[in-house]
Amino acid sequence: MPARLRSKISSVVQRITARDLESQEARERFLASLPEYLFSTVGGNTACVEVVTGEACRFIFDAGTGIRELGAEIAASKKPTACHLFFSHFHWDHLQGLPFFSPAFDTRCSIDFYSPVPAFREILEQQMQAPNFPISMDAMGATKAFHVLANDSVKVGGVEVRHRPMSHPGGCYSYQVRENGLKVIYSTDTELREEDFRRSPENIDYFRDADALIIDSQYTLGEAIEKYNWGHSSFSLAADFASSWRIKRLVLFHHEPSYSDRKLEGMYKNAQWYIEHLGGKGTKVSLAREGLEIEV
């Protein structure tokens, strides 16, 4: 049994009293009282986020290992599906799930791929060639189209998707999704800089009053300082950024793999406290977890 799981079970057992075992209702009440870090896990899949809109298609951002589970959900519906898949960048943890995305092998489905990187089709094809993978993208039976984002935005029905370069080694793009006056931003692998806080017209239009911001918050502040220019932000800087731009919902994302659930839960609570300390009472904070759903 993994040491972390054993530690969780031990902590739960130590909290049990005779009263907690008296009835099914008592047991359920006990379980509901447990701290989040003991009762559940954050999860370990790499980046994949879906934004559900009013359009009859799926908007997906990045193809980390999480896209395999999304693909299984789509396959279970047994319906033909149109997917629009946007890539922030092409580090392994953001595209390694693509070969296991089952709708890509369904001839009834279609996938439109998007990136501002001109050669991104070749990048995707190379990672599914020997010796990296036994079959190529040619085996994907879904109808495929590749779109290089030369303009600032692209429209799919009533949904507009904009992109913006962020600070990360090798480059990375954030995406802003707009529909019916709502605005959601996906900004993984982002090292926030002073210029991201500037009140320029471009920044105001892109960031201010977003309904949700899903942003890299991998480190504590001390670790972020030690790992300057590694391309990731601290949870406190993300909180400062969200408060500064009047973000309605901040989602702490792209967790440090070595952190325990307890440490992540602590960072989440500290981010809540920090935003309240900054006066950003209109900003709600969430910790990204497997299967988390947020409505805006």
C-alpha atoms as a PDB file:
ATOM      1  CA  MET A   1       0.000   0.000   0.000  1.00  0.00           C
ATOM      2  CA  PRO A   2       1.436   3.443  -0.940  1.00  0.00           C
ATOM      3  CA  ALA A   3       2.711   5.343   2.098  1.00  0.00           C
ATOM      4  CA  ARG A   4       0.445   8.342   1.453  1.00  0.00           C
ATOM      5  CA  LEU A   5      -2.689   6.197   1.289  1.00  0.00           C
ATOM      6  CA  ARG A   6      -1.659   4.356   4.461  1.00  0.00           C
ATOM      7  CA  SER A   7      -1.131   7.716   6.171  1.00  0.00           C
ATOM      8  CA  LYS A   8      -4.623   8.875   5.158  1.00  0.00           C
ATOM      9  CA  ILE A   9      -6.254   5.706   6.461  1.00  0.00           C
ATOM     10  CA  SER A  10      -4.317   5.992   9.730  1.00  0.00           C
ATOM     11  CA  SER A  11      -5.452   9.607  10.168  1.00  0.00           C
ATOM     12  CA  VAL A  12      -9.089   8.644   9.562  1.00  0.00           C
ATOM     13  CA  VAL A  13      -8.937   5.723  12.034  1.00  0.00           C
ATOM     14  CA  GLN A  14      -7.481   7.967  14.729  1.00  0.00           C
ATOM     15  CA  ARG A  15     -10.485  10.302  14.417  1.00  0.00           C
ATOM     16  CA  ILE A  16     -13.170   7.611  14.849  1.00  0.00           C
ATOM     17  CA  THR A  17     -15.058   7.438  18.149  1.00  0.00           C
ATOM     18  CA  ALA A  18     -17.595   4.876  19.355  1.00  0.00           C
ATOM     19  CA  ARG A  19     -20.372   7.378  18.683  1.00  0.00           C
ATOM     20  CA  ASP A  20     -19.356   7.535  14.998  1.00  0.00           C
ATOM     21  CA  LEU A  21     -20.151   3.815  14.644  1.00  0.00           C
ATOM     22  CA  GLU A  22     -23.570   3.748  16.315  1.00  0.00           C
ATOM     23  CA  SER A  23     -25.617   3.898  13.112  1.00  0.00           C
ATOM     24  CA  GLN A  24     -25.403   4.364   9.365  1.00  0.00           C
ATOM     25  CA  GLU A  25     -26.386   7.987   9.844  1.00  0.00           C
ATOM     26  CA  ALA A  26     -23.554   8.469  12.352  1.00  0.00           C
ATOM     27  CA  ARG A  27     -21.057   6.877   9.993  1.00  0.00           C
ATOM     28  CA  GLU A  28     -22.175   9.113   7.116  1.00  0.00           C
ATOM     29  CA  ARG A  29     -21.964  12.163   9.367  1.00  0.00           C
ATOM     30  CA  PHE A  30     -18.422  11.181  10.358  1.00  0.00           C
ATOM     31  CA  LEU A  31     -17.344  10.753   6.750  1.00  0.00           C
ATOM     32  CA  ALA A  32     -18.846  14.118   5.810  1.00  0.00           C
ATOM     33  CA  SER A  33     -16.879  15.791   8.632  1.00  0.00           C
ATOM     34  CA  LEU A  34     -13.485  14.644   7.355  1.00  0.00           C
ATOM     35  CA  PRO A  35     -11.140  17.238   5.834  1.00  0.00           C
ATOM     36  CA  GLU A  36     -11.127  17.222   2.045  1.00  0.00           C
ATOM     37  CA  TYR A  37      -7.511  16.078   1.860  1.00  0.00           C
ATOM     38  CA  LEU A  38      -8.406  12.904   3.790  1.00  0.00           C
ATOM     39  CA  PHE A  39     -11.719  12.108   2.172  1.00  0.00           C
ATOM     40  CA  SER A  40     -10.709  12.486  -1.465  1.00  0.00           C
ATOM     41  CA  THR A  41      -7.718  12.877  -3.730  1.00  0.00           C
ATOM     42  CA  VAL A  42      -6.841  15.674  -6.109  1.00  0.00           C
ATOM     43  CA  GLY A  43      -5.815  13.196  -8.809  1.00  0.00           C
ATOM     44  CA  GLY A  44      -2.792  12.784 -10.998  1.00  0.00           C
ATOM     45  CA  ASN A  45      -3.836  13.128 -14.627  1.00  0.00           C
ATOM     46  CA  THR A  46      -2.058  15.789 -16.656  1.00  0.00           C
ATOM     47  CA  ALA A  47      -3.751  18.812 -18.196  1.00  0.00           C
ATOM     48  CA  CYS A  48      -7.041  18.494 -20.055  1.00  0.00           C
ATOM     49  CA  VAL A  49      -9.949  20.903 -19.539  1.00  0.00           C
ATOM     50  CA  GLU A  50     -13.323  20.967 -21.275  1.00  0.00           C
ATOM     51  CA  VAL A  51     -15.400  24.144 -21.536  1.00  0.00           C
ATOM     52  CA  VAL A  52     -19.067  23.321 -22.156  1.00  0.00           C
ATOM     53  CA  THR A  53     -20.972  25.935 -24.168  1.00  0.00           C
ATOM     54  CA  GLY A  54     -24.334  26.191 -25.870  1.00  0.00           C
ATOM     55  CA  GLU A  55     -22.864  24.810 -29.075  1.00  0.00           C
ATOM     56  CA  ALA A  56     -23.432  21.172 -30.054  1.00  0.00           C
ATOM     57  CA  CYS A  57     -19.725  20.380 -29.883  1.00  0.00           C
ATOM     58  CA  ARG A  58     -16.970  20.006 -27.301  1.00  0.00           C
ATOM     59  CA  PHE A  59     -14.270  22.611 -26.628  1.00  0.00           C
ATOM     60  CA  ILE A  60     -11.197  20.875 -25.174  1.00  0.00           C
ATOM     61  CA  PHE A  61      -7.966  22.503 -24.021  1.00  0.00           C
ATOM     62  CA  ASP A  62      -4.840  20.344 -24.065  1.00  0.00           C
ATOM     63  CA  ALA A  63      -4.558  16.594 -24.451  1.00  0.00           C
ATOM     64  CA  GLY A  64      -2.790  15.454 -21.309  1.00  0.00           C
ATOM     65  CA  THR A  65      -3.630  12.075 -19.799  1.00  0.00           C
ATOM     66  CA  GLY A  66      -6.997  13.429 -18.621  1.00  0.00           C
ATOM     67  CA  ILE A  67      -8.275  13.335 -22.190  1.00  0.00           C
ATOM     68  CA  ARG A  68      -8.402   9.534 -22.049  1.00  0.00           C
ATOM     69  CA  GLU A  69     -11.179   9.659 -19.443  1.00  0.00           C
ATOM     70  CA  LEU A  70     -12.993  12.364 -21.383  1.00  0.00           C
ATOM     71  CA  GLY A  71     -12.787  10.146 -24.459  1.00  0.00           C
ATOM     72  CA  ALA A  72     -14.263   7.237 -22.526  1.00  0.00           C
ATOM     73  CA  GLU A  73     -17.169   9.455 -21.446  1.00  0.00           C
ATOM     74  CA  ILE A  74     -17.799  10.523 -25.036  1.00  0.00           C
ATOM     75  CA  ALA A  75     -17.586   6.933 -26.282  1.00  0.00           C
ATOM     76  CA  ALA A  76     -20.094   5.795 -23.641  1.00  0.00           C
ATOM     77  CA  SER A  77     -22.670   8.186 -25.116  1.00  0.00           C
ATOM     78  CA  LYS A  78     -22.446   6.237 -28.411  1.00  0.00           C
ATOM     79  CA  LYS A  79     -23.174   9.442 -30.305  1.00  0.00           C
ATOM     80  CA  PRO A  80     -21.159  11.081 -33.081  1.00  0.00           C
ATOM     81  CA  THR A  81     -19.283  14.019 -31.589  1.00  0.00           C
ATOM     82  CA  ALA A  82     -17.566  17.124 -32.938  1.00  0.00           C
ATOM     83  CA  CYS A  83     -14.515  18.133 -30.874  1.00  0.00           C
ATOM     84  CA  HIS A  84     -12.492  21.341 -31.046  1.00  0.00           C
ATOM     85  CA  LEU A  85      -9.103  20.707 -29.423  1.00  0.00           C
ATOM     86  CA  PHE A  86      -6.818  23.646 -28.583  1.00  0.00           C
ATOM     87  CA  PHE A  87      -3.162  23.202 -27.536  1.00  0.00           C
ATOM     88  CA  SER A  88      -1.419  25.576 -25.139  1.00  0.00           C
ATOM     89  CA  HIS A  89       2.001  24.112 -26.020  1.00  0.00           C
ATOM     90  CA  PHE A  90       3.574  20.757 -26.772  1.00  0.00           C
ATOM     91  CA  HIS A  91       5.430  19.600 -23.704  1.00  0.00           C
ATOM     92  CA  TRP A  92       4.759  15.904 -23.107  1.00  0.00           C
ATOM     93  CA  ASP A  93       2.332  16.376 -20.238  1.00  0.00           C
ATOM     94  CA  HIS A  94      -0.008  18.352 -22.499  1.00  0.00           C
ATOM     95  CA  LEU A  95      -0.278  15.972 -25.441  1.00  0.00           C
ATOM     96  CA  GLN A  96       0.585  12.485 -24.158  1.00  0.00           C
ATOM     97  CA  GLY A  97      -3.073  11.510 -23.803  1.00  0.00           C
ATOM     98  CA  LEU A  98      -3.956  12.175 -27.456  1.00  0.00           C
ATOM     99  CA  PRO A  99      -3.107   8.631 -28.697  1.00  0.00           C
ATOM    100  CA  PHE A 100      -5.644   7.273 -26.182  1.00  0.00           C
ATOM    101  CA  PHE A 101      -8.521   9.633 -27.053  1.00  0.00           C
ATOM    102  CA  SER A 102     -11.095   7.120 -28.289  1.00  0.00           C
ATOM    103  CA  PRO A 103     -13.303   9.538 -30.326  1.00  0.00           C
ATOM    104  CA  ALA A 104     -10.278  10.117 -32.581  1.00  0.00           C
ATOM    105  CA  PHE A 105     -10.672   6.518 -33.760  1.00  0.00           C
ATOM    106  CA  ASP A 106     -14.444   6.766 -34.328  1.00  0.00           C
ATOM    107  CA  THR A 107     -15.305   7.426 -37.986  1.00  0.00           C
ATOM    108  CA  ARG A 108     -18.546   9.134 -36.915  1.00  0.00           C
ATOM    109  CA  CYS A 109     -16.640  11.816 -34.983  1.00  0.00           C
ATOM    110  CA  SER A 110     -14.717  14.888 -36.103  1.00  0.00           C
ATOM    111  CA  ILE A 111     -11.811  16.694 -34.467  1.00  0.00           C
ATOM    112  CA  ASP A 112     -10.616  20.193 -35.282  1.00  0.00           C
ATOM    113  CA  PHE A 113      -7.126  20.855 -33.907  1.00  0.00           C
ATOM    114  CA  TYR A 114      -5.947  24.408 -33.144  1.00  0.00           C
ATOM    115  CA  SER A 115      -2.650  26.073 -32.266  1.00  0.00           C
ATOM    116  CA  PRO A 116      -0.822  29.320 -33.104  1.00  0.00           C
ATOM    117  CA  VAL A 117       2.328  27.213 -33.788  1.00  0.00           C
ATOM    118  CA  PRO A 118       2.682  26.877 -37.589  1.00  0.00           C
ATOM    119  CA  ALA A 119       4.211  23.372 -37.524  1.00  0.00           C
ATOM    120  CA  PHE A 120       1.913  21.917 -34.874  1.00  0.00           C
ATOM    121  CA  ARG A 121       0.453  19.247 -37.148  1.00  0.00           C
ATOM    122  CA  GLU A 122       3.909  17.792 -37.680  1.00  0.00           C
ATOM    123  CA  ILE A 123       4.552  17.911 -33.917  1.00  0.00           C
ATOM    124  CA  LEU A 124       1.401  15.894 -33.234  1.00  0.00           C
ATOM    125  CA  GLU A 125       2.215  13.406 -35.961  1.00  0.00           C
ATOM    126  CA  GLN A 126       5.799  12.921 -34.767  1.00  0.00           C
ATOM    127  CA  GLN A 127       4.750  11.967 -31.239  1.00  0.00           C
ATOM    128  CA  MET A 128       2.712   9.113 -32.740  1.00  0.00           C
ATOM    129  CA  GLN A 129       5.541   7.646 -34.769  1.00  0.00           C
ATOM    130  CA  ALA A 130       7.993   4.890 -33.894  1.00  0.00           C
ATOM    131  CA  PRO A 131       9.630   4.539 -31.459  1.00  0.00           C
ATOM    132  CA  ASN A 132       7.217   6.745 -29.487  1.00  0.00           C
ATOM    133  CA  PHE A 133       4.001   4.906 -30.386  1.00  0.00           C
ATOM    134  CA  PRO A 134       3.045   1.789 -32.379  1.00  0.00           C
ATOM    135  CA  ILE A 135       0.424   3.447 -34.627  1.00  0.00           C
ATOM    136  CA  SER A 136       0.344   6.794 -36.408  1.00  0.00           C
ATOM    137  CA  MET A 137      -2.308   9.500 -36.564  1.00  0.00           C
ATOM    138  CA  ASP A 138      -3.375   7.994 -39.881  1.00  0.00           C
ATOM    139  CA  ALA A 139      -5.057   5.249 -37.838  1.00  0.00           C
ATOM    140  CA  MET A 140      -7.412   7.828 -36.331  1.00  0.00           C
ATOM    141  CA  GLY A 141     -10.613   7.348 -38.286  1.00  0.00           C
ATOM    142  CA  ALA A 142     -12.314  10.560 -37.198  1.00  0.00           C
ATOM    143  CA  THR A 143     -12.504  13.418 -39.672  1.00  0.00           C
ATOM    144  CA  LYS A 144      -9.545  15.667 -38.831  1.00  0.00           C
ATOM    145  CA  ALA A 145      -8.754  19.296 -39.613  1.00  0.00           C
ATOM    146  CA  PHE A 146      -5.770  21.372 -38.485  1.00  0.00           C
ATOM    147  CA  HIS A 147      -6.075  25.124 -37.973  1.00  0.00           C
ATOM    148  CA  VAL A 148      -3.092  27.421 -37.428  1.00  0.00           C
ATOM    149  CA  LEU A 149      -4.351  30.395 -35.442  1.00  0.00           C
ATOM    150  CA  ALA A 150      -2.925  33.282 -37.431  1.00  0.00           C
ATOM    151  CA  ASN A 151      -5.500  35.784 -36.142  1.00  0.00           C
ATOM    152  CA  ASP A 152      -6.168  36.746 -32.537  1.00  0.00           C
ATOM    153  CA  SER A 153      -9.397  34.760 -32.393  1.00  0.00           C
ATOM    154  CA  VAL A 154     -11.497  32.065 -34.018  1.00  0.00           C
ATOM    155  CA  LYS A 155     -15.277  31.642 -33.942  1.00  0.00           C
ATOM    156  CA  VAL A 156     -17.161  28.372 -33.725  1.00  0.00           C
ATOM    157  CA  GLY A 157     -20.860  29.148 -33.941  1.00  0.00           C
ATOM    158  CA  GLY A 158     -21.628  31.629 -31.189  1.00  0.00           C
ATOM    159  CA  VAL A 159     -18.376  30.934 -29.317  1.00  0.00           C
ATOM    160  CA  GLU A 160     -15.250  33.052 -29.758  1.00  0.00           C
ATOM    161  CA  VAL A 161     -11.858  31.696 -28.676  1.00  0.00           C
ATOM    162  CA  ARG A 162      -8.940  34.106 -28.326  1.00  0.00           C
ATOM    163  CA  HIS A 163      -5.331  33.295 -27.524  1.00  0.00           C
ATOM    164  CA  ARG A 164      -2.430  35.123 -25.929  1.00  0.00           C
ATOM    165  CA  PRO A 165       1.237  34.179 -25.389  1.00  0.00           C
ATOM    166  CA  MET A 166       2.272  33.683 -21.753  1.00  0.00           C
ATOM    167  CA  SER A 167       5.701  33.334 -20.134  1.00  0.00           C
ATOM    168  CA  HIS A 168       6.912  29.717 -20.219  1.00  0.00           C
ATOM    169  CA  PRO A 169      10.142  28.126 -21.518  1.00  0.00           C
ATOM    170  CA  GLY A 170       9.585  27.261 -25.178  1.00  0.00           C
ATOM    171  CA  GLY A 171       6.405  29.323 -25.294  1.00  0.00           C
ATOM    172  CA  CYS A 172       2.831  28.720 -24.161  1.00  0.00           C
ATOM    173  CA  TYR A 173      -0.556  30.204 -25.038  1.00  0.00           C
ATOM    174  CA  SER A 174      -3.530  30.936 -22.842  1.00  0.00           C
ATOM    175  CA  TYR A 175      -7.044  30.808 -24.280  1.00  0.00           C
ATOM    176  CA  GLN A 176     -10.067  32.961 -23.595  1.00  0.00           C
ATOM    177  CA  VAL A 177     -13.527  31.560 -24.362  1.00  0.00           C
ATOM    178  CA  ARG A 178     -16.407  33.997 -24.817  1.00  0.00           C
ATOM    179  CA  GLU A 179     -20.107  33.269 -25.225  1.00  0.00           C
ATOM    180  CA  ASN A 180     -23.189  35.358 -24.422  1.00  0.00           C
ATOM    181  CA  GLY A 181     -21.208  37.851 -22.359  1.00  0.00           C
ATOM    182  CA  LEU A 182     -19.433  35.155 -20.319  1.00  0.00           C
ATOM    183  CA  LYS A 183     -15.641  34.866 -20.317  1.00  0.00           C
ATOM    184  CA  VAL A 184     -13.477  31.920 -19.212  1.00  0.00           C
ATOM    185  CA  ILE A 185      -9.660  31.888 -19.389  1.00  0.00           C
ATOM    186  CA  TYR A 186      -7.431  28.807 -19.456  1.00  0.00           C
ATOM    187  CA  SER A 187      -3.829  29.746 -18.653  1.00  0.00           C
ATOM    188  CA  THR A 188      -1.753  26.702 -17.780  1.00  0.00           C
ATOM    189  CA  ASP A 189       2.071  26.734 -17.542  1.00  0.00           C
ATOM    190  CA  THR A 190       2.196  30.444 -16.864  1.00  0.00           C
ATOM    191  CA  GLU A 191       4.834  32.405 -14.990  1.00  0.00           C
ATOM    192  CA  LEU A 192       3.045  35.653 -14.227  1.00  0.00           C
ATOM    193  CA  ARG A 193       5.067  38.777 -14.918  1.00  0.00           C
ATOM    194  CA  GLU A 194       4.760  42.449 -14.033  1.00  0.00           C
ATOM    195  CA  GLU A 195       3.427  43.226 -17.527  1.00  0.00           C
ATOM    196  CA  ASP A 196       0.492  40.853 -16.983  1.00  0.00           C
ATOM    197  CA  PHE A 197      -0.732  43.214 -14.235  1.00  0.00           C
ATOM    198  CA  ARG A 198      -0.419  46.398 -16.315  1.00  0.00           C
ATOM    199  CA  ARG A 199      -3.634  48.262 -17.078  1.00  0.00           C
ATOM    200  CA  SER A 200      -3.112  48.229 -20.835  1.00  0.00           C
ATOM    201  CA  PRO A 201      -6.176  48.096 -23.137  1.00  0.00           C
ATOM    202  CA  GLU A 202      -5.147  44.597 -24.246  1.00  0.00           C
ATOM    203  CA  ASN A 203      -4.852  43.289 -20.685  1.00  0.00           C
ATOM    204  CA  ILE A 204      -8.122  44.908 -19.630  1.00  0.00           C
ATOM    205  CA  ASP A 205      -9.994  43.338 -22.526  1.00  0.00           C
ATOM    206  CA  TYR A 206      -8.451  39.916 -22.006  1.00  0.00           C
ATOM    207  CA  PHE A 207      -8.379  39.476 -18.226  1.00  0.00           C
ATOM    208  CA  ARG A 208     -10.664  41.894 -16.412  1.00  0.00           C
ATOM    209  CA  ASP A 209     -13.981  40.611 -15.041  1.00  0.00           C
ATOM    210  CA  ALA A 210     -13.475  37.081 -16.340  1.00  0.00           C
ATOM    211  CA  ASP A 211     -16.086  34.689 -14.974  1.00  0.00           C
ATOM    212  CA  ALA A 212     -13.442  32.015 -14.389  1.00  0.00           C
ATOM    213  CA  LEU A 213      -9.650  31.875 -14.570  1.00  0.00           C
ATOM    214  CA  ILE A 214      -7.979  28.458 -14.644  1.00  0.00           C
ATOM    215  CA  ILE A 215      -4.333  29.284 -14.013  1.00  0.00           C
ATOM    216  CA  ASP A 216      -1.002  27.738 -13.128  1.00  0.00           C
ATOM    217  CA  SER A 217      -0.401  27.932  -9.383  1.00  0.00           C
ATOM    218  CA  GLN A 218       2.172  25.194  -9.025  1.00  0.00           C
ATOM    219  CA  TYR A 219       4.372  26.582  -6.259  1.00  0.00           C
ATOM    220  CA  THR A 220       4.436  28.310  -2.933  1.00  0.00           C
ATOM    221  CA  LEU A 221       5.904  31.811  -3.152  1.00  0.00           C
ATOM    222  CA  GLY A 222       9.273  30.700  -1.758  1.00  0.00           C
ATOM    223  CA  GLU A 223       9.589  27.883  -4.276  1.00  0.00           C
ATOM    224  CA  ALA A 224       8.527  30.169  -7.122  1.00  0.00           C
ATOM    225  CA  ILE A 225      11.346  32.550  -6.198  1.00  0.00           C
ATOM    226  CA  GLU A 226      13.834  29.671  -6.093  1.00  0.00           C
ATOM    227  CA  LYS A 227      12.576  28.430  -9.464  1.00  0.00           C
ATOM    228  CA  TYR A 228      12.430  31.767 -11.202  1.00  0.00           C
ATOM    229  CA  ASN A 229      12.115  31.438 -14.986  1.00  0.00           C
ATOM    230  CA  TRP A 230      10.933  27.814 -14.763  1.00  0.00           C
ATOM    231  CA  GLY A 231       7.616  28.923 -16.261  1.00  0.00           C
ATOM    232  CA  HIS A 232       5.206  28.428 -13.339  1.00  0.00           C
ATOM    233  CA  SER A 233       3.518  30.671 -10.761  1.00  0.00           C
ATOM    234  CA  SER A 234       2.795  30.542  -7.043  1.00  0.00           C
ATOM    235  CA  PHE A 235      -0.717  30.221  -5.638  1.00  0.00           C
ATOM    236  CA  SER A 236      -0.315  33.582  -3.897  1.00  0.00           C
ATOM    237  CA  LEU A 237       0.649  35.366  -7.114  1.00  0.00           C
ATOM    238  CA  ALA A 238      -2.307  33.738  -8.886  1.00  0.00           C
ATOM    239  CA  ALA A 239      -4.566  34.991  -6.087  1.00  0.00           C
ATOM    240  CA  ASP A 240      -3.070  38.479  -6.352  1.00  0.00           C
ATOM    241  CA  PHE A 241      -3.599  38.396 -10.121  1.00  0.00           C
ATOM    242  CA  ALA A 242      -7.234  37.254  -9.825  1.00  0.00           C
ATOM    243  CA  SER A 243      -8.015  39.922  -7.258  1.00  0.00           C
ATOM    244  CA  SER A 244      -6.289  42.589  -9.333  1.00  0.00           C
ATOM    245  CA  TRP A 245      -8.369  41.752 -12.426  1.00  0.00           C
ATOM    246  CA  ARG A 246     -11.673  41.219 -10.547  1.00  0.00           C
ATOM    247  CA  ILE A 247     -11.878  37.582 -11.558  1.00  0.00           C
ATOM    248  CA  LYS A 248     -15.090  35.960 -10.308  1.00  0.00           C
ATOM    249  CA  ARG A 249     -13.717  32.420  -9.945  1.00  0.00           C
ATOM    250  CA  LEU A 250     -10.070  31.435  -9.540  1.00  0.00           C
ATOM    251  CA  VAL A 251      -9.199  27.786 -10.190  1.00  0.00           C
ATOM    252  CA  LEU A 252      -5.755  26.767  -8.898  1.00  0.00           C
ATOM    253  CA  PHE A 253      -4.323  24.487 -11.585  1.00  0.00           C
ATOM    254  CA  HIS A 254      -1.240  22.526 -12.709  1.00  0.00           C
ATOM    255  CA  HIS A 255      -0.216  21.176  -9.317  1.00  0.00           C
ATOM    256  CA  GLU A 256       3.317  20.245  -8.302  1.00  0.00           C
ATOM    257  CA  PRO A 257       3.498  16.403  -8.627  1.00  0.00           C
ATOM    258  CA  SER A 258       5.518  16.036  -5.411  1.00  0.00           C
ATOM    259  CA  TYR A 259       2.910  17.822  -3.263  1.00  0.00           C
ATOM    260  CA  SER A 260       0.577  15.785  -1.079  1.00  0.00           C
ATOM    261  CA  ASP A 261      -3.191  16.315  -1.066  1.00  0.00           C
ATOM    262  CA  ARG A 262      -2.806  17.882   2.372  1.00  0.00           C
ATOM    263  CA  LYS A 263      -0.298  20.448   1.117  1.00  0.00           C
ATOM    264  CA  LEU A 264      -2.507  21.295  -1.870  1.00  0.00           C
ATOM    265  CA  GLU A 265      -5.472  21.711   0.450  1.00  0.00           C
ATOM    266  CA  GLY A 266      -3.362  24.056   2.589  1.00  0.00           C
ATOM    267  CA  MET A 267      -2.401  26.129  -0.449  1.00  0.00           C
ATOM    268  CA  TYR A 268      -6.057  26.342  -1.428  1.00  0.00           C
ATOM    269  CA  LYS A 269      -7.080  27.611   2.021  1.00  0.00           C
ATOM    270  CA  ASN A 270      -4.192  30.081   2.077  1.00  0.00           C
ATOM    271  CA  ALA A 271      -5.253  31.392  -1.344  1.00  0.00           C
ATOM    272  CA  GLN A 272      -8.765  31.931   0.014  1.00  0.00           C
ATOM    273  CA  TRP A 273      -7.407  33.812   3.019  1.00  0.00           C
ATOM    274  CA  TYR A 274      -5.055  35.892   0.878  1.00  0.00           C
ATOM    275  CA  ILE A 275      -7.789  37.005  -1.506  1.00  0.00           C
ATOM    276  CA  GLU A 276      -9.963  38.063   1.421  1.00  0.00           C
ATOM    277  CA  HIS A 277      -6.941  39.916   2.865  1.00  0.00           C
ATOM    278  CA  LEU A 278      -6.564  41.741  -0.456  1.00  0.00           C
ATOM    279  CA  GLY A 279     -10.212  42.738  -0.356  1.00  0.00           C
ATOM    280  CA  GLY A 280     -11.139  40.501  -3.281  1.00  0.00           C
ATOM    281  CA  LYS A 281     -14.305  39.180  -1.645  1.00  0.00           C
ATOM    282  CA  GLY A 282     -15.978  38.793  -5.034  1.00  0.00           C
ATOM    283  CA  THR A 283     -13.461  36.137  -6.083  1.00  0.00           C
ATOM    284  CA  LYS A 284     -14.243  32.508  -5.261  1.00  0.00           C
ATOM    285  CA  VAL A 285     -11.369  30.041  -5.162  1.00  0.00           C
ATOM    286  CA  SER A 286     -11.410  26.409  -6.258  1.00  0.00           C
ATOM    287  CA  LEU A 287      -8.720  23.754  -6.259  1.00  0.00           C
ATOM    288  CA  ALA A 288      -8.577  21.843  -9.542  1.00  0.00           C
ATOM    289  CA  ARG A 289      -9.448  18.189  -8.948  1.00  0.00           C
ATOM    290  CA  GLU A 290     -10.234  15.226 -11.176  1.00  0.00           C
ATOM    291  CA  GLY A 291     -13.773  15.609 -12.471  1.00  0.00           C
ATOM    292  CA  LEU A 292     -14.316  19.083 -11.014  1.00  0.00           C
ATOM    293  CA  GLU A 293     -17.241  20.897 -12.659  1.00  0.00           C
ATOM    294  CA  ILE A 294     -17.806  24.646 -12.309  1.00  0.00           C
ATOM    295  CA  GLU A 295     -20.811  26.513 -13.646  1.00  0.00           C
ATOM    296  CA  VAL A 296     -20.479  30.172 -14.651  1.00  0.00           C
END
